[in-house]
C-alpha atoms as a PDB file:
ATOM      1  CA  MET A   1      50.718  23.815 -28.978  1.00  0.00           C
ATOM      2  CA  THR A   2      49.392  20.558 -29.496  1.00  0.00           C
ATOM      3  CA  ILE A   3      51.548  18.788 -27.563  1.00  0.00           C
ATOM      4  CA  PHE A   4      51.031  20.893 -24.733  1.00  0.00           C
ATOM      5  CA  LEU A   5      47.329  19.772 -24.951  1.00  0.00           C
ATOM      6  CA  TYR A   6      47.613  16.454 -25.563  1.00  0.00           C
ATOM      7  CA  ILE A   7      49.715  16.332 -22.091  1.00  0.00           C
ATOM      8  CA  LEU A   8      46.995  18.484 -20.044  1.00  0.00           C
ATOM      9  CA  PHE A   9      44.346  16.074 -21.357  1.00  0.00           C
ATOM     10  CA  GLY A  10      46.056  12.900 -20.430  1.00  0.00           C
ATOM     11  CA  LEU A  11      46.433  14.885 -16.984  1.00  0.00           C
ATOM     12  CA  MET A  12      42.802  15.578 -16.606  1.00  0.00           C
ATOM     13  CA  ALA A  13      41.698  11.788 -17.765  1.00  0.00           C
ATOM     14  CA  GLY A  14      44.237  10.169 -15.559  1.00  0.00           C
ATOM     15  CA  VAL A  15      42.977  12.209 -12.407  1.00  0.00           C
ATOM     16  CA  PHE A  16      39.433  11.303 -13.174  1.00  0.00           C
ATOM     17  CA  GLY A  17      39.988   8.063 -14.401  1.00  0.00           C
ATOM     18  CA  GLY A  18      41.787   7.756 -10.724  1.00  0.00           C
ATOM     19  CA  LEU A  19      39.159   9.643  -9.305  1.00  0.00           C
ATOM     20  CA  GLY A  20      36.716   6.673 -10.438  1.00  0.00           C
ATOM     21  CA  MET A  21      34.558   8.704 -12.957  1.00  0.00           C
ATOM     22  CA  GLY A  22      36.471   7.265 -16.253  1.00  0.00           C
ATOM     23  CA  GLY A  23      38.757   9.376 -17.688  1.00  0.00           C
ATOM     24  CA  GLY A  24      37.146   8.102 -21.062  1.00  0.00           C
ATOM     25  CA  THR A  25      34.199  10.080 -20.411  1.00  0.00           C
ATOM     26  CA  LEU A  26      36.574  13.415 -20.715  1.00  0.00           C
ATOM     27  CA  LEU A  27      39.048  12.267 -22.689  1.00  0.00           C
ATOM     28  CA  ILE A  28      37.398  11.096 -26.109  1.00  0.00           C
ATOM     29  CA  PRO A  29      35.222  14.759 -25.895  1.00  0.00           C
ATOM     30  CA  LEU A  30      38.646  16.611 -25.709  1.00  0.00           C
ATOM     31  CA  LEU A  31      40.390  14.818 -28.147  1.00  0.00           C
ATOM     32  CA  THR A  32      37.468  15.038 -30.566  1.00  0.00           C
ATOM     33  CA  ILE A  33      36.223  18.467 -30.356  1.00  0.00           C
ATOM     34  CA  PHE A  34      39.362  20.194 -29.302  1.00  0.00           C
ATOM     35  CA  LEU A  35      41.756  18.525 -31.164  1.00  0.00           C
ATOM     36  CA  GLY A  36      40.130  16.973 -34.024  1.00  0.00           C
ATOM     37  CA  VAL A  37      40.710  13.510 -33.601  1.00  0.00           C
ATOM     38  CA  GLU A  38      38.569  11.132 -35.465  1.00  0.00           C
ATOM     39  CA  GLN A  39      36.488   8.921 -33.021  1.00  0.00           C
ATOM     40  CA  LYS A  40      37.539   5.630 -33.766  1.00  0.00           C
ATOM     41  CA  LEU A  41      41.495   6.728 -32.549  1.00  0.00           C
ATOM     42  CA  SER A  42      40.366   8.722 -29.900  1.00  0.00           C
ATOM     43  CA  GLN A  43      38.126   5.889 -28.628  1.00  0.00           C
ATOM     44  CA  GLY A  44      41.680   3.597 -28.982  1.00  0.00           C
ATOM     45  CA  ILE A  45      43.848   5.860 -27.305  1.00  0.00           C
ATOM     46  CA  ASN A  46      41.056   5.952 -24.832  1.00  0.00           C
ATOM     47  CA  LEU A  47      41.211   2.109 -24.581  1.00  0.00           C
ATOM     48  CA  ILE A  48      45.224   2.054 -24.403  1.00  0.00           C
ATOM     49  CA  SER A  49      45.474   4.650 -21.694  1.00  0.00           C
ATOM     50  CA  PHE A  50      42.482   3.202 -19.674  1.00  0.00           C
ATOM     51  CA  LEU A  51      44.625   0.117 -19.457  1.00  0.00           C
ATOM     52  CA  VAL A  52      47.394   1.932 -17.373  1.00  0.00           C
ATOM     53  CA  MET A  53      45.405   3.895 -15.762  1.00  0.00           C
ATOM     54  CA  ALA A  54      42.644   0.705 -14.393  1.00  0.00           C
ATOM     55  CA  LEU A  55      46.324  -1.063 -13.691  1.00  0.00           C
ATOM     56  CA  VAL A  56      47.279   1.148 -11.352  1.00  0.00           C
ATOM     57  CA  SER A  57      43.964   1.733  -9.548  1.00  0.00           C
ATOM     58  CA  LEU A  58      43.558  -1.749  -9.657  1.00  0.00           C
ATOM     59  CA  ILE A  59      46.494  -2.316  -7.408  1.00  0.00           C
ATOM     60  CA  ILE A  60      46.000   0.417  -4.996  1.00  0.00           C
ATOM     61  CA  HIS A  61      42.066  -0.245  -4.545  1.00  0.00           C
ATOM     62  CA  TYR A  62      43.591  -3.993  -4.059  1.00  0.00           C
ATOM     63  CA  LYS A  63      45.639  -2.936  -1.437  1.00  0.00           C
ATOM     64  CA  ASN A  64      43.745  -0.744  -0.094  1.00  0.00           C
ATOM     65  CA  GLY A  65      41.333  -3.860   0.428  1.00  0.00           C
ATOM     66  CA  TYR A  66      38.474  -2.449  -1.974  1.00  0.00           C
ATOM     67  CA  ILE A  67      38.462  -5.340  -4.201  1.00  0.00           C
ATOM     68  CA  GLU A  68      35.617  -8.194  -3.920  1.00  0.00           C
ATOM     69  CA  THR A  69      37.323 -11.459  -5.089  1.00  0.00           C
ATOM     70  CA  LYS A  70      34.277 -13.586  -4.718  1.00  0.00           C
ATOM     71  CA  ASN A  71      32.724 -13.993  -8.156  1.00  0.00           C
ATOM     72  CA  ILE A  72      35.009 -12.051 -10.315  1.00  0.00           C
ATOM     73  CA  TRP A  73      35.264 -14.932 -12.742  1.00  0.00           C
ATOM     74  CA  TYR A  74      31.923 -13.826 -13.824  1.00  0.00           C
ATOM     75  CA  ILE A  75      32.510 -10.162 -14.487  1.00  0.00           C
ATOM     76  CA  ILE A  76      35.912 -11.092 -15.980  1.00  0.00           C
ATOM     77  CA  ILE A  77      35.083 -13.139 -18.701  1.00  0.00           C
ATOM     78  CA  SER A  78      31.734 -11.452 -19.705  1.00  0.00           C
ATOM     79  CA  GLY A  79      33.727  -8.438 -19.680  1.00  0.00           C
ATOM     80  CA  VAL A  80      36.271  -9.823 -21.984  1.00  0.00           C
ATOM     81  CA  PHE A  81      33.639 -10.987 -24.329  1.00  0.00           C
ATOM     82  CA  PHE A  82      31.748  -7.999 -24.559  1.00  0.00           C
ATOM     83  CA  SER A  83      34.227  -5.870 -24.885  1.00  0.00           C
ATOM     84  CA  ALA A  84      36.031  -7.845 -28.277  1.00  0.00           C
ATOM     85  CA  GLY A  85      32.218  -7.709 -29.103  1.00  0.00           C
ATOM     86  CA  GLY A  86      32.049  -3.570 -28.686  1.00  0.00           C
ATOM     87  CA  ALA A  87      35.783  -3.237 -30.945  1.00  0.00           C
ATOM     88  CA  LEU A  88      34.174  -5.470 -33.414  1.00  0.00           C
ATOM     89  CA  LEU A  89      31.280  -3.440 -34.021  1.00  0.00           C
ATOM     90  CA  ALA A  90      33.224  -0.026 -33.577  1.00  0.00           C
ATOM     91  CA  SER A  91      35.746  -1.308 -36.551  1.00  0.00           C
ATOM     92  CA  VAL A  92      32.836  -1.495 -38.625  1.00  0.00           C
ATOM     93  CA  LEU A  93      30.695   1.217 -37.888  1.00  0.00           C
ATOM     94  CA  PRO A  94      30.926   4.908 -39.357  1.00  0.00           C
ATOM     95  CA  SER A  95      32.957   7.674 -36.951  1.00  0.00           C
ATOM     96  CA  LYS A  96      29.995   9.736 -36.743  1.00  0.00           C
ATOM     97  CA  ILE A  97      27.495   6.595 -35.698  1.00  0.00           C
ATOM     98  CA  LEU A  98      29.895   6.289 -32.583  1.00  0.00           C
ATOM     99  CA  ARG A  99      30.197   9.909 -31.880  1.00  0.00           C
ATOM    100  CA  ILE A 100      26.398  10.074 -31.996  1.00  0.00           C
ATOM    101  CA  GLY A 101      26.247   6.993 -29.946  1.00  0.00           C
ATOM    102  CA  PHE A 102      28.621   8.127 -27.330  1.00  0.00           C
ATOM    103  CA  GLY A 103      26.953  11.650 -27.405  1.00  0.00           C
ATOM    104  CA  VAL A 104      23.545   9.914 -26.284  1.00  0.00           C
ATOM    105  CA  PHE A 105      25.797   7.983 -23.900  1.00  0.00           C
ATOM    106  CA  LEU A 106      26.931  10.820 -21.847  1.00  0.00           C
ATOM    107  CA  CYS A 107      23.315  12.291 -22.009  1.00  0.00           C
ATOM    108  CA  ILE A 108      22.368   9.377 -20.285  1.00  0.00           C
ATOM    109  CA  LEU A 109      25.239   9.260 -18.261  1.00  0.00           C
ATOM    110  CA  SER A 110      24.690  12.836 -16.939  1.00  0.00           C
ATOM    111  CA  ILE A 111      20.777  12.170 -16.182  1.00  0.00           C
ATOM    112  CA  PHE A 112      21.239   9.490 -14.307  1.00  0.00           C
ATOM    113  CA  GLU A 113      24.401  11.625 -12.103  1.00  0.00           C
ATOM    114  CA  ILE A 114      21.662  14.099 -11.836  1.00  0.00           C
ATOM    115  CA  TYR A 115      19.035  12.351 -10.122  1.00  0.00           C
ATOM    116  CA  LYS A 116      21.122  10.798  -7.645  1.00  0.00           C
ATOM    117  CA  VAL A 117      22.221  13.645  -6.902  1.00  0.00           C
ATOM    118  CA  PHE A 118      18.590  15.014  -5.896  1.00  0.00           C
ATOM    119  CA  LYS A 119      17.970  11.473  -4.571  1.00  0.00           C
ATOM    120  CA  SER A 120      20.831  11.758  -2.438  1.00  0.00           C
ATOM    121  CA  THR A 121      20.151  15.729  -1.217  1.00  0.00           C
ATOM    122  CA  LYS A 122      16.512  14.451  -0.501  1.00  0.00           C
ATOM    123  CA  ASN A 123      17.319  11.284   1.742  1.00  0.00           C
ATOM    124  CA  LYS A 124      19.814  13.856   3.573  1.00  0.00           C
ATOM    125  CA  ASN A 125      17.104  16.231   4.363  1.00  0.00           C
ATOM    126  CA  ILE A 126      14.594  13.852   5.454  1.00  0.00           C
ATOM    127  CA  GLU A 127      17.003  12.342   7.832  1.00  0.00           C
ATOM    128  CA  GLN A 128      17.531  15.881   9.543  1.00  0.00           C
ATOM    129  CA  LYS A 129      14.022  16.306   9.511  1.00  0.00           C
ATOM    130  CA  LYS A 130      13.998  13.060  12.028  1.00  0.00           C
END
């Protein structure tokens, strides 16, 4: 049963990751809550799966012309630098702190997403009235 859940959760994370939502937003809570995987291990599993999903998505988006390459090195260099810093920080923090921080991050992210929905709906209503 556990192997089935790993496969199911991986499938779900892959679909959401391919859609651009970010599979880790779903995968980490699923692994920690339903399978009891430690937070640090869940984040590690997510990072490995993310590399594969990101590579496939990058190739598809590049072929479709959705990748802007101007000034891309600034993003790559800062991303690598801060990823290394985040990994070092995660390695010294207790799992409980990481779990709380990730929960706060998800709450803030959901607030922004709800705000975007209401803002989008409001803008559509204004355009329809014109």
